[in-house]
Amino acid sequence: MQSVDLAPQELRTLVAVADEGGFSAAGARLGSTQSAVSHAVRGIERKLGVVLFERGRYGARPTPAGARAVAHARRVLRMLEVMVAETRGVQTAVVGGPLRIAAFRSAALHLLPPVLARLAVSHPGIEPTVRVVREIGPGTAGEVAEGRADLGIATVGTGSPVPPGLVGDVLLEEPYALVHPAGHPAPRSLPLVDWAENCSSYTRAWWAAQDWIPAATVRAEDDGAVLSMVGSGFGMAIMPRLSLTGAPPSVEVTDLGVRRPTRKVGYVTTPELAATAVVRALVRELRAGRKPQVSRV
């Protein structure tokens, strides 16, 4: 196969067009013109021998090949940034630079803060940013695979700990519990309050086997809204432990017993970023705060 050389600026052009959804907006972001960006993309397409963007009256959208190219472009550009930071860090013996983290809501609220506090003490030169991503579809792992995050806090499966092409580990296994208005005499008779991210495929079999759990009649945007609705008497919910951290006194948490479902939470990153100093430092702190896992019975 003939080798293809793409300059960093060409990779930045691909990312800009994908992010901005068109050549004009990408040109404005890059300090260039629409025609220059369009010409650059055509040149990249000739080099690769594939069409990378579908052009239309509403802008430019990556083709499947284009989406893959853009993901690789983001990851290559990130590694170039890391190369600069780490080679300079050799002289100063300081681990530093940006660190992009994607996390679902309850992990961002309750799991990451103490980890980042320890990281700030051990490596004050690291500059973490956290973006909350809904754990639906590709979720946080998708952000890592697409090159938008260096590490994702994700819910992971039992058979395959991490998605193909990524590396990672399980940090904790948390139980689900029944949550209901405090003092309610028959919480299982209440309507079910739920949200889209709840009940991963790894707990769905247990969920489906419980004839006392009705179909959700009240749906909320996130787990915080679920707790608020339950506390206001709108129904009961079945939620994982992280979501119940700091639950208000208006709700009561009841254990579901030894056969309760659990959810595994871990981290994922790319093989190339796993070897970088900033990601290694974060992983050490994540593992240092690892909680004992809850065994399935």
Foldseek 3Di string as FASTA:
>chain_A
DDDFDDDLVLLLLLLLQAVVQAQQRSCVVVVHHSVVSVVSQVVVCVRVVHRQWDQDPRHTHGDPVNLLSNLVSLQVVVVVVLVVQVVVCVVVVADADEAEEEEADLCVVFVCPVLVVVLCVVHVRYHYDYDHWQQPDCTRVVCQSSNNGQKYWHWAADPDRHDPQKDKDWQAKWFKWKKAFPPDPCQLVWAEEEEDRPDDPRRVVVVVPDPSHDPHPHYDHDLVVSLVCRLVPRHMYIGTPSSCVPRDPRMDIGGPDLQTDIIIIIMIGGPVSCPGPVNVSSVVSSNVPRDDYRDHD
